[in-house]
Amino acid sequence: MEANNPQKILPLAAILEAALFLSHEPLSLRKLSKLFKTTEQKIKDSLESYKEELKKEERGLVLLETEQGYQLGTKPEVAPFLEQLFIDEEYLSASLSQAALETLAIVALKQPVTKLEIENIRGVKTDGVIDNLVKRGLIKVLGRKETLGRPMIYGITENFLQYFGFKDRNELEKLKKLWLNDTFFPEAGETK
């Protein structure tokens, strides 16, 4: 067996699984097809088959698809066990607070949005929450608003999409339209 041709040693699905496991970033079909010297369709078919295999109850992983490509993640139902593992090993990555989740929801639904606009909706100061979300890479500064004081405007990141399991921004937009039909966010100075 040739060492340069791993497909003769292992099936494509096994090699894809290992590549996805080791990658810290999503892997595109193009990159995977070049890496394994096969067609994008063959890679996609193999990934779809792998995705179905991961849906079984005894599996703890899911195959996530983003605009950038494919990546492995954990099933939401295993989160309580994994959180305990990380607490026991004193990892600093804590779950998001209620304030952080509320702020994230506002940014996701109203982006681009300023800190003052977020605070008007939430009714409380958000300095620390916004700083934490930026540090965690869930939101980012998109620029400055062309108004008095030129406040920073915020939006979501690709990490946000991955964290919440969205395939791409279009999925978020569809959910946003459904949800906003039943919800009212006041503009600055308005009340509900």
C-alpha atoms as a PDB file:
ATOM      1  CA  MET A   1       0.000   0.000   0.000  1.00  0.00           C
ATOM      2  CA  GLU A   2       1.231   3.461  -0.858  1.00  0.00           C
ATOM      3  CA  ALA A   3       1.686   5.848   2.040  1.00  0.00           C
ATOM      4  CA  ASN A   4       0.905   8.816  -0.248  1.00  0.00           C
ATOM      5  CA  ASN A   5      -2.556   7.525  -1.066  1.00  0.00           C
ATOM      6  CA  PRO A   6      -4.438   7.184   2.244  1.00  0.00           C
ATOM      7  CA  GLN A   7      -7.670   6.267   0.438  1.00  0.00           C
ATOM      8  CA  LYS A   8      -6.163   2.842  -0.286  1.00  0.00           C
ATOM      9  CA  ILE A   9      -5.679   2.375   3.457  1.00  0.00           C
ATOM     10  CA  LEU A  10      -8.936   3.830   4.820  1.00  0.00           C
ATOM     11  CA  PRO A  11     -12.326   4.712   3.339  1.00  0.00           C
ATOM     12  CA  LEU A  12     -12.898   8.347   2.378  1.00  0.00           C
ATOM     13  CA  ALA A  13     -15.418   8.815   5.221  1.00  0.00           C
ATOM     14  CA  ALA A  14     -12.818   7.859   7.841  1.00  0.00           C
ATOM     15  CA  ILE A  15     -10.265  10.290   6.440  1.00  0.00           C
ATOM     16  CA  LEU A  16     -12.853  13.079   6.220  1.00  0.00           C
ATOM     17  CA  GLU A  17     -13.823  12.464   9.834  1.00  0.00           C
ATOM     18  CA  ALA A  18     -10.190  12.770  10.942  1.00  0.00           C
ATOM     19  CA  ALA A  19      -9.676  15.963   8.894  1.00  0.00           C
ATOM     20  CA  LEU A  20     -12.812  17.547  10.348  1.00  0.00           C
ATOM     21  CA  PHE A  21     -11.818  16.495  13.860  1.00  0.00           C
ATOM     22  CA  LEU A  22      -8.372  18.082  13.580  1.00  0.00           C
ATOM     23  CA  SER A  23      -9.416  21.285  11.837  1.00  0.00           C
ATOM     24  CA  HIS A  24     -10.036  24.374  13.946  1.00  0.00           C
ATOM     25  CA  GLU A  25     -11.900  25.984  11.034  1.00  0.00           C
ATOM     26  CA  PRO A  26     -14.655  24.823   8.689  1.00  0.00           C
ATOM     27  CA  LEU A  27     -13.331  22.948   5.640  1.00  0.00           C
ATOM     28  CA  SER A  28     -14.807  23.813   2.250  1.00  0.00           C
ATOM     29  CA  LEU A  29     -15.817  21.238  -0.352  1.00  0.00           C
ATOM     30  CA  ARG A  30     -13.217  22.751  -2.669  1.00  0.00           C
ATOM     31  CA  LYS A  31     -10.415  22.355  -0.130  1.00  0.00           C
ATOM     32  CA  LEU A  32     -11.462  18.803   0.757  1.00  0.00           C
ATOM     33  CA  SER A  33     -11.753  17.746  -2.881  1.00  0.00           C
ATOM     34  CA  LYS A  34      -8.252  19.097  -3.607  1.00  0.00           C
ATOM     35  CA  LEU A  35      -6.839  17.458  -0.502  1.00  0.00           C
ATOM     36  CA  PHE A  36      -8.322  14.050  -1.324  1.00  0.00           C
ATOM     37  CA  LYS A  37      -7.979  14.412  -5.102  1.00  0.00           C
ATOM     38  CA  THR A  38     -11.630  13.642  -5.807  1.00  0.00           C
ATOM     39  CA  THR A  39     -14.726  15.511  -6.923  1.00  0.00           C
ATOM     40  CA  GLU A  40     -16.656  17.928  -4.733  1.00  0.00           C
ATOM     41  CA  GLN A  41     -19.768  15.823  -5.335  1.00  0.00           C
ATOM     42  CA  LYS A  42     -18.056  12.698  -3.980  1.00  0.00           C
ATOM     43  CA  ILE A  43     -16.953  14.658  -0.892  1.00  0.00           C
ATOM     44  CA  LYS A  44     -20.461  16.094  -0.437  1.00  0.00           C
ATOM     45  CA  ASP A  45     -22.054  12.637  -0.764  1.00  0.00           C
ATOM     46  CA  SER A  46     -19.628  11.230   1.785  1.00  0.00           C
ATOM     47  CA  LEU A  47     -20.286  14.131   4.169  1.00  0.00           C
ATOM     48  CA  GLU A  48     -24.059  13.699   3.862  1.00  0.00           C
ATOM     49  CA  SER A  49     -23.704   9.999   4.653  1.00  0.00           C
ATOM     50  CA  TYR A  50     -21.465  10.850   7.639  1.00  0.00           C
ATOM     51  CA  LYS A  51     -23.994  13.459   8.821  1.00  0.00           C
ATOM     52  CA  GLU A  52     -26.726  10.807   8.852  1.00  0.00           C
ATOM     53  CA  GLU A  53     -24.461   8.416  10.767  1.00  0.00           C
ATOM     54  CA  LEU A  54     -23.856  11.102  13.414  1.00  0.00           C
ATOM     55  CA  LYS A  55     -27.612  11.533  13.958  1.00  0.00           C
ATOM     56  CA  LYS A  56     -27.737   8.185  15.745  1.00  0.00           C
ATOM     57  CA  GLU A  57     -28.417   8.407  19.473  1.00  0.00           C
ATOM     58  CA  GLU A  58     -25.138   6.858  20.530  1.00  0.00           C
ATOM     59  CA  ARG A  59     -23.126   9.580  18.775  1.00  0.00           C
ATOM     60  CA  GLY A  60     -22.111  12.807  20.530  1.00  0.00           C
ATOM     61  CA  LEU A  61     -21.070  14.822  17.489  1.00  0.00           C
ATOM     62  CA  VAL A  62     -22.871  16.656  14.703  1.00  0.00           C
ATOM     63  CA  LEU A  63     -21.643  17.798  11.310  1.00  0.00           C
ATOM     64  CA  LEU A  64     -22.168  21.546  11.012  1.00  0.00           C
ATOM     65  CA  GLU A  65     -22.348  23.265   7.637  1.00  0.00           C
ATOM     66  CA  THR A  66     -21.499  26.985   7.414  1.00  0.00           C
ATOM     67  CA  GLU A  67     -20.838  29.364   4.532  1.00  0.00           C
ATOM     68  CA  GLN A  68     -17.120  28.470   4.871  1.00  0.00           C
ATOM     69  CA  GLY A  69     -17.621  24.714   4.824  1.00  0.00           C
ATOM     70  CA  TYR A  70     -18.049  21.786   7.193  1.00  0.00           C
ATOM     71  CA  GLN A  71     -16.994  21.384  10.806  1.00  0.00           C
ATOM     72  CA  LEU A  72     -17.604  18.970  13.665  1.00  0.00           C
ATOM     73  CA  GLY A  73     -19.490  20.127  16.738  1.00  0.00           C
ATOM     74  CA  THR A  74     -21.100  18.531  19.761  1.00  0.00           C
ATOM     75  CA  LYS A  75     -24.766  17.639  20.103  1.00  0.00           C
ATOM     76  CA  PRO A  76     -26.604  20.126  22.354  1.00  0.00           C
ATOM     77  CA  GLU A  77     -27.854  17.328  24.609  1.00  0.00           C
ATOM     78  CA  VAL A  78     -24.288  16.422  25.670  1.00  0.00           C
ATOM     79  CA  ALA A  79     -23.580  20.008  26.800  1.00  0.00           C
ATOM     80  CA  PRO A  80     -24.355  19.432  30.518  1.00  0.00           C
ATOM     81  CA  PHE A  81     -21.801  16.606  30.674  1.00  0.00           C
ATOM     82  CA  LEU A  82     -19.139  18.557  28.788  1.00  0.00           C
ATOM     83  CA  GLU A  83     -19.693  21.669  30.889  1.00  0.00           C
ATOM     84  CA  GLN A  84     -19.027  19.605  34.001  1.00  0.00           C
ATOM     85  CA  LEU A  85     -15.823  18.284  32.425  1.00  0.00           C
ATOM     86  CA  PHE A  86     -14.609  21.792  31.712  1.00  0.00           C
ATOM     87  CA  ILE A  87     -15.592  23.048  35.171  1.00  0.00           C
ATOM     88  CA  ASP A  88     -13.723  20.163  36.786  1.00  0.00           C
ATOM     89  CA  GLU A  89     -10.635  20.970  34.744  1.00  0.00           C
ATOM     90  CA  GLU A  90     -11.049  24.686  35.529  1.00  0.00           C
ATOM     91  CA  TYR A  91     -11.464  25.858  31.953  1.00  0.00           C
ATOM     92  CA  LEU A  92     -12.388  29.509  31.738  1.00  0.00           C
ATOM     93  CA  SER A  93     -14.947  29.144  28.945  1.00  0.00           C
ATOM     94  CA  ALA A  94     -18.195  29.704  30.793  1.00  0.00           C
ATOM     95  CA  SER A  95     -21.643  29.489  29.250  1.00  0.00           C
ATOM     96  CA  LEU A  96     -23.334  32.690  28.158  1.00  0.00           C
ATOM     97  CA  SER A  97     -25.243  34.659  30.774  1.00  0.00           C
ATOM     98  CA  GLN A  98     -28.853  35.744  30.356  1.00  0.00           C
ATOM     99  CA  ALA A  99     -27.628  39.312  29.738  1.00  0.00           C
ATOM    100  CA  ALA A 100     -25.228  38.076  27.044  1.00  0.00           C
ATOM    101  CA  LEU A 101     -27.963  36.035  25.340  1.00  0.00           C
ATOM    102  CA  GLU A 102     -30.353  38.998  25.369  1.00  0.00           C
ATOM    103  CA  THR A 103     -27.683  41.274  23.931  1.00  0.00           C
ATOM    104  CA  LEU A 104     -26.770  38.713  21.273  1.00  0.00           C
ATOM    105  CA  ALA A 105     -30.412  38.393  20.249  1.00  0.00           C
ATOM    106  CA  ILE A 106     -30.694  42.155  19.828  1.00  0.00           C
ATOM    107  CA  VAL A 107     -27.476  42.365  17.801  1.00  0.00           C
ATOM    108  CA  ALA A 108     -28.515  39.439  15.602  1.00  0.00           C
ATOM    109  CA  LEU A 109     -31.957  40.897  14.929  1.00  0.00           C
ATOM    110  CA  LYS A 110     -31.141  44.599  14.647  1.00  0.00           C
ATOM    111  CA  GLN A 111     -27.611  44.642  13.184  1.00  0.00           C
ATOM    112  CA  PRO A 112     -25.946  46.961  12.520  1.00  0.00           C
ATOM    113  CA  VAL A 113     -26.742  48.323  15.973  1.00  0.00           C
ATOM    114  CA  THR A 114     -25.059  50.713  18.427  1.00  0.00           C
ATOM    115  CA  LYS A 115     -24.484  50.162  22.139  1.00  0.00           C
ATOM    116  CA  LEU A 116     -27.012  52.915  22.934  1.00  0.00           C
ATOM    117  CA  GLU A 117     -29.662  51.207  20.792  1.00  0.00           C
ATOM    118  CA  ILE A 118     -29.019  47.908  22.599  1.00  0.00           C
ATOM    119  CA  GLU A 119     -29.249  49.635  25.990  1.00  0.00           C
ATOM    120  CA  ASN A 120     -32.527  51.358  24.999  1.00  0.00           C
ATOM    121  CA  ILE A 121     -34.054  47.970  24.147  1.00  0.00           C
ATOM    122  CA  ARG A 122     -32.693  46.121  27.187  1.00  0.00           C
ATOM    123  CA  GLY A 123     -33.141  49.025  29.596  1.00  0.00           C
ATOM    124  CA  VAL A 124     -29.743  48.487  31.253  1.00  0.00           C
ATOM    125  CA  LYS A 125     -26.082  49.304  30.587  1.00  0.00           C
ATOM    126  CA  THR A 126     -24.278  46.768  28.386  1.00  0.00           C
ATOM    127  CA  ASP A 127     -20.608  47.846  28.431  1.00  0.00           C
ATOM    128  CA  GLY A 128     -19.239  44.685  30.064  1.00  0.00           C
ATOM    129  CA  VAL A 129     -21.550  42.361  28.162  1.00  0.00           C
ATOM    130  CA  ILE A 130     -20.575  43.820  24.786  1.00  0.00           C
ATOM    131  CA  ASP A 131     -16.860  43.661  25.653  1.00  0.00           C
ATOM    132  CA  ASN A 132     -17.244  39.999  26.660  1.00  0.00           C
ATOM    133  CA  LEU A 133     -19.113  39.117  23.445  1.00  0.00           C
ATOM    134  CA  VAL A 134     -16.454  40.833  21.329  1.00  0.00           C
ATOM    135  CA  LYS A 135     -13.679  38.969  23.208  1.00  0.00           C
ATOM    136  CA  ARG A 136     -15.507  35.664  22.646  1.00  0.00           C
ATOM    137  CA  GLY A 137     -15.746  36.481  18.935  1.00  0.00           C
ATOM    138  CA  LEU A 138     -19.557  36.328  18.791  1.00  0.00           C
ATOM    139  CA  ILE A 139     -19.997  39.975  17.773  1.00  0.00           C
ATOM    140  CA  LYS A 140     -17.662  42.475  16.162  1.00  0.00           C
ATOM    141  CA  VAL A 141     -17.357  46.186  15.455  1.00  0.00           C
ATOM    142  CA  LEU A 142     -18.602  46.799  11.922  1.00  0.00           C
ATOM    143  CA  GLY A 143     -17.608  50.454  11.849  1.00  0.00           C
ATOM    144  CA  ARG A 144     -18.985  53.731  13.131  1.00  0.00           C
ATOM    145  CA  LYS A 145     -22.419  55.262  12.671  1.00  0.00           C
ATOM    146  CA  GLU A 146     -22.460  58.556  10.789  1.00  0.00           C
ATOM    147  CA  THR A 147     -24.183  60.472  13.603  1.00  0.00           C
ATOM    148  CA  LEU A 148     -23.163  62.757  16.441  1.00  0.00           C
ATOM    149  CA  GLY A 149     -20.346  61.100  18.402  1.00  0.00           C
ATOM    150  CA  ARG A 150     -19.805  58.469  15.703  1.00  0.00           C
ATOM    151  CA  PRO A 151     -20.737  55.512  17.957  1.00  0.00           C
ATOM    152  CA  MET A 152     -19.461  52.053  17.079  1.00  0.00           C
ATOM    153  CA  ILE A 153     -21.892  49.729  15.360  1.00  0.00           C
ATOM    154  CA  TYR A 154     -21.952  45.999  16.078  1.00  0.00           C
ATOM    155  CA  GLY A 155     -22.931  42.893  14.157  1.00  0.00           C
ATOM    156  CA  ILE A 156     -22.653  39.134  14.506  1.00  0.00           C
ATOM    157  CA  THR A 157     -19.674  37.056  13.375  1.00  0.00           C
ATOM    158  CA  GLU A 158     -19.236  33.690  11.684  1.00  0.00           C
ATOM    159  CA  ASN A 159     -18.446  32.329  15.174  1.00  0.00           C
ATOM    160  CA  PHE A 160     -21.974  33.373  16.215  1.00  0.00           C
ATOM    161  CA  LEU A 161     -23.451  31.351  13.347  1.00  0.00           C
ATOM    162  CA  GLN A 162     -21.357  28.305  14.276  1.00  0.00           C
ATOM    163  CA  TYR A 163     -22.071  28.660  18.009  1.00  0.00           C
ATOM    164  CA  PHE A 164     -25.836  28.646  17.426  1.00  0.00           C
ATOM    165  CA  GLY A 165     -25.765  26.079  14.613  1.00  0.00           C
ATOM    166  CA  PHE A 166     -26.813  28.278  11.694  1.00  0.00           C
ATOM    167  CA  LYS A 167     -25.695  27.054   8.279  1.00  0.00           C
ATOM    168  CA  ASP A 168     -25.380  30.596   6.936  1.00  0.00           C
ATOM    169  CA  ARG A 169     -26.758  34.118   7.357  1.00  0.00           C
ATOM    170  CA  ASN A 170     -29.761  33.254   5.169  1.00  0.00           C
ATOM    171  CA  GLU A 171     -31.007  30.794   7.802  1.00  0.00           C
ATOM    172  CA  LEU A 172     -30.782  33.525  10.414  1.00  0.00           C
ATOM    173  CA  GLU A 173     -32.640  35.966   8.131  1.00  0.00           C
ATOM    174  CA  LYS A 174     -35.522  33.494   7.645  1.00  0.00           C
ATOM    175  CA  LEU A 175     -35.820  32.972  11.404  1.00  0.00           C
ATOM    176  CA  LYS A 176     -35.592  36.714  11.947  1.00  0.00           C
ATOM    177  CA  LYS A 177     -38.501  37.411   9.567  1.00  0.00           C
ATOM    178  CA  LEU A 178     -40.673  34.783  11.263  1.00  0.00           C
ATOM    179  CA  TRP A 179     -39.869  36.032  14.730  1.00  0.00           C
ATOM    180  CA  LEU A 180     -40.072  39.758  14.036  1.00  0.00           C
ATOM    181  CA  ASN A 181     -43.647  39.403  12.770  1.00  0.00           C
ATOM    182  CA  ASP A 182     -44.628  38.774  16.418  1.00  0.00           C
ATOM    183  CA  THR A 183     -42.163  41.110  18.143  1.00  0.00           C
ATOM    184  CA  PHE A 184     -41.801  44.844  18.426  1.00  0.00           C
ATOM    185  CA  PHE A 185     -38.449  46.501  19.127  1.00  0.00           C
ATOM    186  CA  PRO A 186     -38.918  50.174  19.912  1.00  0.00           C
ATOM    187  CA  GLU A 187     -36.815  52.737  18.093  1.00  0.00           C
ATOM    188  CA  ALA A 188     -34.795  55.192  20.201  1.00  0.00           C
ATOM    189  CA  GLY A 189     -37.256  57.331  22.210  1.00  0.00           C
ATOM    190  CA  GLU A 190     -40.302  55.114  21.486  1.00  0.00           C
ATOM    191  CA  THR A 191     -42.182  52.973  23.954  1.00  0.00           C
ATOM    192  CA  LYS A 192     -44.051  49.788  23.214  1.00  0.00           C
END
